[in-house]
PDB file of N, CA and C in Angstrom:
ATOM      1  N   MET A   1      68.399  22.781 180.826  1.00  0.00           N
ATOM      2  CA  MET A   1      68.641  22.574 182.234  1.00  0.00           C
ATOM      3  C   MET A   1      70.088  22.899 182.587  1.00  0.00           C
ATOM      4  N   ARG A   2      71.017  22.432 181.755  1.00  0.00           N
ATOM      5  CA  ARG A   2      72.432  22.687 182.031  1.00  0.00           C
ATOM      6  C   ARG A   2      72.753  24.171 181.910  1.00  0.00           C
ATOM      7  N   GLN A   3      72.043  24.880 181.012  1.00  0.00           N
ATOM      8  CA  GLN A   3      72.290  26.310 180.862  1.00  0.00           C
ATOM      9  C   GLN A   3      71.869  27.058 182.122  1.00  0.00           C
ATOM     10  N   ARG A   4      70.776  26.632 182.745  1.00  0.00           N
ATOM     11  CA  ARG A   4      70.311  27.277 183.967  1.00  0.00           C
ATOM     12  C   ARG A   4      71.323  27.080 185.089  1.00  0.00           C
ATOM     13  N   MET A   5      71.869  25.880 185.190  1.00  0.00           N
ATOM     14  CA  MET A   5      72.866  25.614 186.236  1.00  0.00           C
ATOM     15  C   MET A   5      74.137  26.424 185.997  1.00  0.00           C
ATOM     16  N   LEU A   6      74.568  26.502 184.741  1.00  0.00           N
ATOM     17  CA  LEU A   6      75.757  27.283 184.425  1.00  0.00           C
ATOM     18  C   LEU A   6      75.522  28.764 184.711  1.00  0.00           C
ATOM     19  N   LEU A   7      74.342  29.254 184.386  1.00  0.00           N
ATOM     20  CA  LEU A   7      74.012  30.647 184.671  1.00  0.00           C
ATOM     21  C   LEU A   7      73.990  30.911 186.179  1.00  0.00           C
ATOM     22  N   SER A   8      73.480  29.967 186.952  1.00  0.00           N
ATOM     23  CA  SER A   8      73.464  30.120 188.408  1.00  0.00           C
ATOM     24  C   SER A   8      74.882  30.136 188.987  1.00  0.00           C
ATOM     25  N   ILE A   9      75.753  29.304 188.447  1.00  0.00           N
ATOM     26  CA  ILE A   9      77.148  29.289 188.902  1.00  0.00           C
ATOM     27  C   ILE A   9      77.807  30.630 188.605  1.00  0.00           C
ATOM     28  N   LEU A  10      77.614  31.121 187.392  1.00  0.00           N
ATOM     29  CA  LEU A  10      78.215  32.404 187.017  1.00  0.00           C
ATOM     30  C   LEU A  10      77.646  33.557 187.839  1.00  0.00           C
ATOM     31  N   ALA A  11      76.342  33.538 188.111  1.00  0.00           N
ATOM     32  CA  ALA A  11      75.736  34.584 188.929  1.00  0.00           C
ATOM     33  C   ALA A  11      76.292  34.546 190.358  1.00  0.00           C
ATOM     34  N   GLY A  12      76.464  33.358 190.907  1.00  0.00           N
ATOM     35  CA  GLY A  12      77.046  33.229 192.243  1.00  0.00           C
ATOM     36  C   GLY A  12      78.478  33.733 192.294  1.00  0.00           C
ATOM     37  N   CYS A  13      79.250  33.421 191.258  1.00  0.00           N
ATOM     38  CA  CYS A  13      80.632  33.917 191.211  1.00  0.00           C
ATOM     39  C   CYS A  13      80.661  35.435 191.079  1.00  0.00           C
ATOM     40  N   ALA A  14      79.760  35.997 190.293  1.00  0.00           N
ATOM     41  CA  ALA A  14      79.688  37.451 190.147  1.00  0.00           C
ATOM     42  C   ALA A  14      79.311  38.105 191.472  1.00  0.00           C
ATOM     43  N   MET A  15      78.369  37.496 192.195  1.00  0.00           N
ATOM     44  CA  MET A  15      77.994  38.039 193.502  1.00  0.00           C
ATOM     45  C   MET A  15      79.168  37.984 194.469  1.00  0.00           C
ATOM     46  N   LEU A  16      79.927  36.890 194.443  1.00  0.00           N
ATOM     47  CA  LEU A  16      81.111  36.793 195.298  1.00  0.00           C
ATOM     48  C   LEU A  16      82.124  37.877 194.947  1.00  0.00           C
ATOM     49  N   TYR A  17      82.372  38.049 193.660  1.00  0.00           N
ATOM     50  CA  TYR A  17      83.350  39.043 193.212  1.00  0.00           C
ATOM     51  C   TYR A  17      82.943  40.447 193.652  1.00  0.00           C
ATOM     52  N   TYR A  18      81.670  40.734 193.590  1.00  0.00           N
ATOM     53  CA  TYR A  18      81.180  42.060 193.944  1.00  0.00           C
ATOM     54  C   TYR A  18      81.093  42.251 195.463  1.00  0.00           C
ATOM     55  N   ALA A  19      80.721  41.218 196.199  1.00  0.00           N
ATOM     56  CA  ALA A  19      80.387  41.380 197.612  1.00  0.00           C
ATOM     57  C   ALA A  19      81.558  41.192 198.572  1.00  0.00           C
ATOM     58  N   VAL A  20      82.518  40.352 198.237  1.00  0.00           N
ATOM     59  CA  VAL A  20      83.579  40.033 199.199  1.00  0.00           C
ATOM     60  C   VAL A  20      84.340  41.275 199.663  1.00  0.00           C
ATOM     61  N   PRO A  21      84.693  42.220 198.796  1.00  0.00           N
ATOM     62  CA  PRO A  21      85.390  43.413 199.315  1.00  0.00           C
ATOM     63  C   PRO A  21      84.508  44.275 200.231  1.00  0.00           C
ATOM     64  N   ARG A  22      83.198  44.130 200.124  1.00  0.00           N
ATOM     65  CA  ARG A  22      82.294  44.969 200.911  1.00  0.00           C
ATOM     66  C   ARG A  22      81.854  44.316 202.225  1.00  0.00           C
ATOM     67  N   LEU A  23      82.152  43.047 202.405  1.00  0.00           N
ATOM     68  CA  LEU A  23      81.750  42.356 203.628  1.00  0.00           C
ATOM     69  C   LEU A  23      82.690  42.729 204.772  1.00  0.00           C
ATOM     70  N   SER A  24      82.124  42.771 205.966  1.00  0.00           N
ATOM     71  CA  SER A  24      82.901  43.148 207.139  1.00  0.00           C
ATOM     72  C   SER A  24      83.177  41.907 207.997  1.00  0.00           C
ATOM     73  N   PHE A  25      84.443  41.706 208.354  1.00  0.00           N
ATOM     74  CA  PHE A  25      84.835  40.580 209.194  1.00  0.00           C
ATOM     75  C   PHE A  25      85.499  41.061 210.486  1.00  0.00           C
ATOM     76  N   HIS A  26      85.067  42.213 211.015  1.00  0.00           N
ATOM     77  CA  HIS A  26      85.708  42.820 212.183  1.00  0.00           C
ATOM     78  C   HIS A  26      84.877  42.710 213.460  1.00  0.00           C
ATOM     79  N   GLY A  27      84.077  41.682 213.569  1.00  0.00           N
ATOM     80  CA  GLY A  27      83.330  41.485 214.796  1.00  0.00           C
ATOM     81  C   GLY A  27      81.925  42.053 214.731  1.00  0.00           C
ATOM     82  N   GLY A  28      81.139  41.668 215.712  1.00  0.00           N
ATOM     83  CA  GLY A  28      79.768  42.132 215.775  1.00  0.00           C
ATOM     84  C   GLY A  28      78.846  41.324 214.882  1.00  0.00           C
ATOM     85  N   ILE A  29      77.634  41.813 214.738  1.00  0.00           N
ATOM     86  CA  ILE A  29      76.633  41.103 213.964  1.00  0.00           C
ATOM     87  C   ILE A  29      76.967  41.114 212.479  1.00  0.00           C
ATOM     88  N   GLU A  30      77.739  42.117 212.032  1.00  0.00           N
ATOM     89  CA  GLU A  30      78.136  42.173 210.624  1.00  0.00           C
ATOM     90  C   GLU A  30      79.027  40.995 210.255  1.00  0.00           C
ATOM     91  N   MET A  31      79.880  40.569 211.182  1.00  0.00           N
ATOM     92  CA  MET A  31      80.754  39.443 210.923  1.00  0.00           C
ATOM     93  C   MET A  31      79.925  38.166 210.752  1.00  0.00           C
ATOM     94  N   TYR A  32      78.927  37.963 211.608  1.00  0.00           N
ATOM     95  CA  TYR A  32      78.089  36.773 211.498  1.00  0.00           C
ATOM     96  C   TYR A  32      77.299  36.780 210.193  1.00  0.00           C
ATOM     97  N   PHE A  33      76.792  37.941 209.819  1.00  0.00           N
ATOM     98  CA  PHE A  33      76.082  38.047 208.551  1.00  0.00           C
ATOM     99  C   PHE A  33      77.006  37.706 207.389  1.00  0.00           C
ATOM    100  N   SER A  34      78.231  38.216 207.421  1.00  0.00           N
ATOM    101  CA  SER A  34      79.184  37.972 206.342  1.00  0.00           C
ATOM    102  C   SER A  34      79.517  36.492 206.222  1.00  0.00           C
ATOM    103  N   ILE A  35      79.725  35.845 207.347  1.00  0.00           N
ATOM    104  CA  ILE A  35      80.058  34.418 207.336  1.00  0.00           C
ATOM    105  C   ILE A  35      78.893  33.595 206.800  1.00  0.00           C
ATOM    106  N   VAL A  36      77.695  33.875 207.286  1.00  0.00           N
ATOM    107  CA  VAL A  36      76.514  33.128 206.828  1.00  0.00           C
ATOM    108  C   VAL A  36      76.267  33.385 205.348  1.00  0.00           C
ATOM    109  N   TRP A  37      76.452  34.622 204.902  1.00  0.00           N
ATOM    110  CA  TRP A  37      76.245  34.947 203.496  1.00  0.00           C
ATOM    111  C   TRP A  37      77.244  34.205 202.616  1.00  0.00           C
ATOM    112  N   LEU A  38      78.509  34.184 203.035  1.00  0.00           N
ATOM    113  CA  LEU A  38      79.523  33.455 202.263  1.00  0.00           C
ATOM    114  C   LEU A  38      79.221  31.960 202.212  1.00  0.00           C
ATOM    115  N   LEU A  39      78.822  31.384 203.331  1.00  0.00           N
ATOM    116  CA  LEU A  39      78.465  29.963 203.348  1.00  0.00           C
ATOM    117  C   LEU A  39      77.290  29.676 202.411  1.00  0.00           C
ATOM    118  N   PHE A  40      76.288  30.536 202.443  1.00  0.00           N
ATOM    119  CA  PHE A  40      75.131  30.346 201.585  1.00  0.00           C
ATOM    120  C   PHE A  40      75.523  30.403 200.102  1.00  0.00           C
ATOM    121  N   VAL A  41      76.324  31.379 199.730  1.00  0.00           N
ATOM    122  CA  VAL A  41      76.733  31.498 198.324  1.00  0.00           C
ATOM    123  C   VAL A  41      77.597  30.311 197.908  1.00  0.00           C
ATOM    124  N   LEU A  42      78.507  29.879 198.776  1.00  0.00           N
ATOM    125  CA  LEU A  42      79.354  28.739 198.435  1.00  0.00           C
ATOM    126  C   LEU A  42      78.544  27.451 198.316  1.00  0.00           C
ATOM    127  N   ILE A  43      77.545  27.274 199.165  1.00  0.00           N
ATOM    128  CA  ILE A  43      76.675  26.099 199.056  1.00  0.00           C
ATOM    129  C   ILE A  43      75.868  26.151 197.763  1.00  0.00           C
ATOM    130  N   ALA A  44      75.365  27.330 197.407  1.00  0.00           N
ATOM    131  CA  ALA A  44      74.593  27.474 196.169  1.00  0.00           C
ATOM    132  C   ALA A  44      75.472  27.187 194.951  1.00  0.00           C
ATOM    133  N   ILE A  45      76.680  27.710 194.938  1.00  0.00           N
ATOM    134  CA  ILE A  45      77.587  27.456 193.821  1.00  0.00           C
ATOM    135  C   ILE A  45      77.972  25.981 193.772  1.00  0.00           C
ATOM    136  N   GLY A  46      78.278  25.405 194.925  1.00  0.00           N
ATOM    137  CA  GLY A  46      78.656  23.985 194.976  1.00  0.00           C
ATOM    138  C   GLY A  46      77.532  23.066 194.533  1.00  0.00           C
ATOM    139  N   GLY A  47      76.307  23.354 194.952  1.00  0.00           N
ATOM    140  CA  GLY A  47      75.180  22.527 194.546  1.00  0.00           C
ATOM    141  C   GLY A  47      74.928  22.601 193.057  1.00  0.00           C
ATOM    142  N   ASN A  48      74.990  23.789 192.493  1.00  0.00           N
ATOM    143  CA  ASN A  48      74.802  23.931 191.054  1.00  0.00           C
ATOM    144  C   ASN A  48      75.952  23.301 190.272  1.00  0.00           C
ATOM    145  N   LEU A  49      77.159  23.411 190.799  1.00  0.00           N
ATOM    146  CA  LEU A  49      78.305  22.801 190.134  1.00  0.00           C
ATOM    147  C   LEU A  49      78.188  21.275 190.150  1.00  0.00           C
ATOM    148  N   ALA A  50      77.783  20.704 191.261  1.00  0.00           N
ATOM    149  CA  ALA A  50      77.606  19.248 191.339  1.00  0.00           C
ATOM    150  C   ALA A  50      76.503  18.788 190.390  1.00  0.00           C
ATOM    151  N   ALA A  51      75.402  19.522 190.345  1.00  0.00           N
ATOM    152  CA  ALA A  51      74.314  19.167 189.432  1.00  0.00           C
ATOM    153  C   ALA A  51      74.762  19.294 187.982  1.00  0.00           C
ATOM    154  N   PHE A  52      75.553  20.311 187.687  1.00  0.00           N
ATOM    155  CA  PHE A  52      76.046  20.508 186.322  1.00  0.00           C
ATOM    156  C   PHE A  52      76.987  19.375 185.918  1.00  0.00           C
ATOM    157  N   LEU A  53      77.889  18.989 186.810  1.00  0.00           N
ATOM    158  CA  LEU A  53      78.872  17.968 186.473  1.00  0.00           C
ATOM    159  C   LEU A  53      78.282  16.562 186.410  1.00  0.00           C
ATOM    160  N   TYR A  54      77.284  16.282 187.242  1.00  0.00           N
ATOM    161  CA  TYR A  54      76.737  14.934 187.302  1.00  0.00           C
ATOM    162  C   TYR A  54      75.451  14.755 186.516  1.00  0.00           C
ATOM    163  N   SER A  55      75.000  15.766 185.806  1.00  0.00           N
ATOM    164  CA  SER A  55      73.785  15.608 185.017  1.00  0.00           C
ATOM    165  C   SER A  55      74.094  14.805 183.760  1.00  0.00           C
ATOM    166  N   VAL A  56      73.131  14.003 183.349  1.00  0.00           N
ATOM    167  CA  VAL A  56      73.281  13.169 182.162  1.00  0.00           C
ATOM    168  C   VAL A  56      72.962  14.031 180.941  1.00  0.00           C
ATOM    169  N   PRO A  57      73.833  14.036 179.932  1.00  0.00           N
ATOM    170  CA  PRO A  57      73.536  14.808 178.730  1.00  0.00           C
ATOM    171  C   PRO A  57      72.238  14.345 178.064  1.00  0.00           C
ATOM    172  N   LYS A  58      71.576  15.247 177.360  1.00  0.00           N
ATOM    173  CA  LYS A  58      70.257  14.974 176.793  1.00  0.00           C
ATOM    174  C   LYS A  58      70.301  13.812 175.798  1.00  0.00           C
ATOM    175  N   ALA A  59      71.322  13.730 174.975  1.00  0.00           N
ATOM    176  CA  ALA A  59      71.406  12.651 173.986  1.00  0.00           C
ATOM    177  C   ALA A  59      71.495  11.286 174.676  1.00  0.00           C
ATOM    178  N   LYS A  60      72.280  11.209 175.728  1.00  0.00           N
ATOM    179  CA  LYS A  60      72.427   9.941 176.446  1.00  0.00           C
ATOM    180  C   LYS A  60      71.130   9.571 177.158  1.00  0.00           C
ATOM    181  N   ARG A  61      70.448  10.580 177.731  1.00  0.00           N
ATOM    182  CA  ARG A  61      69.180  10.342 178.406  1.00  0.00           C
ATOM    183  C   ARG A  61      68.138   9.820 177.424  1.00  0.00           C
ATOM    184  N   MET A  62      68.085  10.397 176.221  1.00  0.00           N
ATOM    185  CA  MET A  62      67.123   9.962 175.198  1.00  0.00           C
ATOM    186  C   MET A  62      67.415   8.515 174.789  1.00  0.00           C
ATOM    187  N   LYS A  63      68.701   8.179 174.654  1.00  0.00           N
ATOM    188  CA  LYS A  63      69.084   6.824 174.277  1.00  0.00           C
ATOM    189  C   LYS A  63      68.665   5.816 175.351  1.00  0.00           C
ATOM    190  N   GLN A  64      68.841   6.180 176.625  1.00  0.00           N
ATOM    191  CA  GLN A  64      68.443   5.296 177.718  1.00  0.00           C
ATOM    192  C   GLN A  64      66.938   5.089 177.740  1.00  0.00           C
ATOM    193  N   GLU A  65      66.177   6.140 177.473  1.00  0.00           N
ATOM    194  CA  GLU A  65      64.718   6.018 177.451  1.00  0.00           C
ATOM    195  C   GLU A  65      64.263   5.127 176.313  1.00  0.00           C
ATOM    196  N   GLU A  66      64.911   5.218 175.147  1.00  0.00           N
ATOM    197  CA  GLU A  66      64.569   4.361 174.019  1.00  0.00           C
ATOM    198  C   GLU A  66      64.867   2.904 174.341  1.00  0.00           C
ATOM    199  N   GLN A  67      65.988   2.647 175.010  1.00  0.00           N
ATOM    200  CA  GLN A  67      66.333   1.277 175.374  1.00  0.00           C
ATOM    201  C   GLN A  67      65.328   0.705 176.364  1.00  0.00           C
ATOM    202  N   LYS A  68      64.834   1.527 177.285  1.00  0.00           N
ATOM    203  CA  LYS A  68      63.832   1.049 178.245  1.00  0.00           C
ATOM    204  C   LYS A  68      62.527   0.710 177.542  1.00  0.00           C
ATOM    205  N   LYS A  69      62.164   1.466 176.545  1.00  0.00           N
ATOM    206  CA  LYS A  69      60.933   1.203 175.813  1.00  0.00           C
ATOM    207  C   LYS A  69      61.031  -0.070 174.990  1.00  0.00           C
ATOM    208  N   GLN A  70      62.228  -0.371 174.477  1.00  0.00           N
ATOM    209  CA  GLN A  70      62.412  -1.557 173.649  1.00  0.00           C
ATOM    210  C   GLN A  70      62.420  -2.835 174.462  1.00  0.00           C
ATOM    211  N   VAL A  71      62.725  -2.785 175.728  1.00  0.00           N
ATOM    212  CA  VAL A  71      62.865  -3.970 176.564  1.00  0.00           C
ATOM    213  C   VAL A  71      61.553  -4.270 177.284  1.00  0.00           C
ATOM    214  N   LYS A  72      60.461  -4.196 176.594  1.00  0.00           N
ATOM    215  CA  LYS A  72      59.175  -4.555 177.201  1.00  0.00           C
ATOM    216  C   LYS A  72      59.017  -6.074 177.135  1.00  0.00           C
ATOM    217  N   ARG A  73      58.760  -6.642 178.273  1.00  0.00           N
ATOM    218  CA  ARG A  73      58.590  -8.104 178.346  1.00  0.00           C
ATOM    219  C   ARG A  73      57.149  -8.421 178.660  1.00  0.00           C
ATOM    220  N   ASP A  74      56.695  -9.472 178.075  1.00  0.00           N
ATOM    221  CA  ASP A  74      55.321  -9.909 178.306  1.00  0.00           C
ATOM    222  C   ASP A  74      55.352 -11.213 179.089  1.00  0.00           C
ATOM    223  N   TYR A  75      54.845 -11.178 180.297  1.00  0.00           N
ATOM    224  CA  TYR A  75      54.869 -12.357 181.152  1.00  0.00           C
ATOM    225  C   TYR A  75      53.499 -13.014 181.257  1.00  0.00           C
ATOM    226  N   SER A  76      52.618 -12.691 180.367  1.00  0.00           N
ATOM    227  CA  SER A  76      51.280 -13.288 180.412  1.00  0.00           C
ATOM    228  C   SER A  76      51.324 -14.726 179.911  1.00  0.00           C
ATOM    229  N   LEU A  77      50.413 -15.533 180.399  1.00  0.00           N
ATOM    230  CA  LEU A  77      50.389 -16.936 180.016  1.00  0.00           C
ATOM    231  C   LEU A  77      49.486 -17.174 178.869  1.00  0.00           C
TER     232      LEU A  77
END
């Protein structure tokens, strides 16, 4: 899962590197397209970066699941 997020971040950065010199910011509909495209790419990179940074590592997740399984309580009379 973390590899997919890292790959998405790198792909977004590569698209930015390739596209920014080719975008037009001189008015007209091209300017609006450029602004919306940049916002979309920045949101995609930001979302993947947040998911990458705040995701729980697999070892820690497995440990938490084991602890939940061990804490089974029986409330039957």
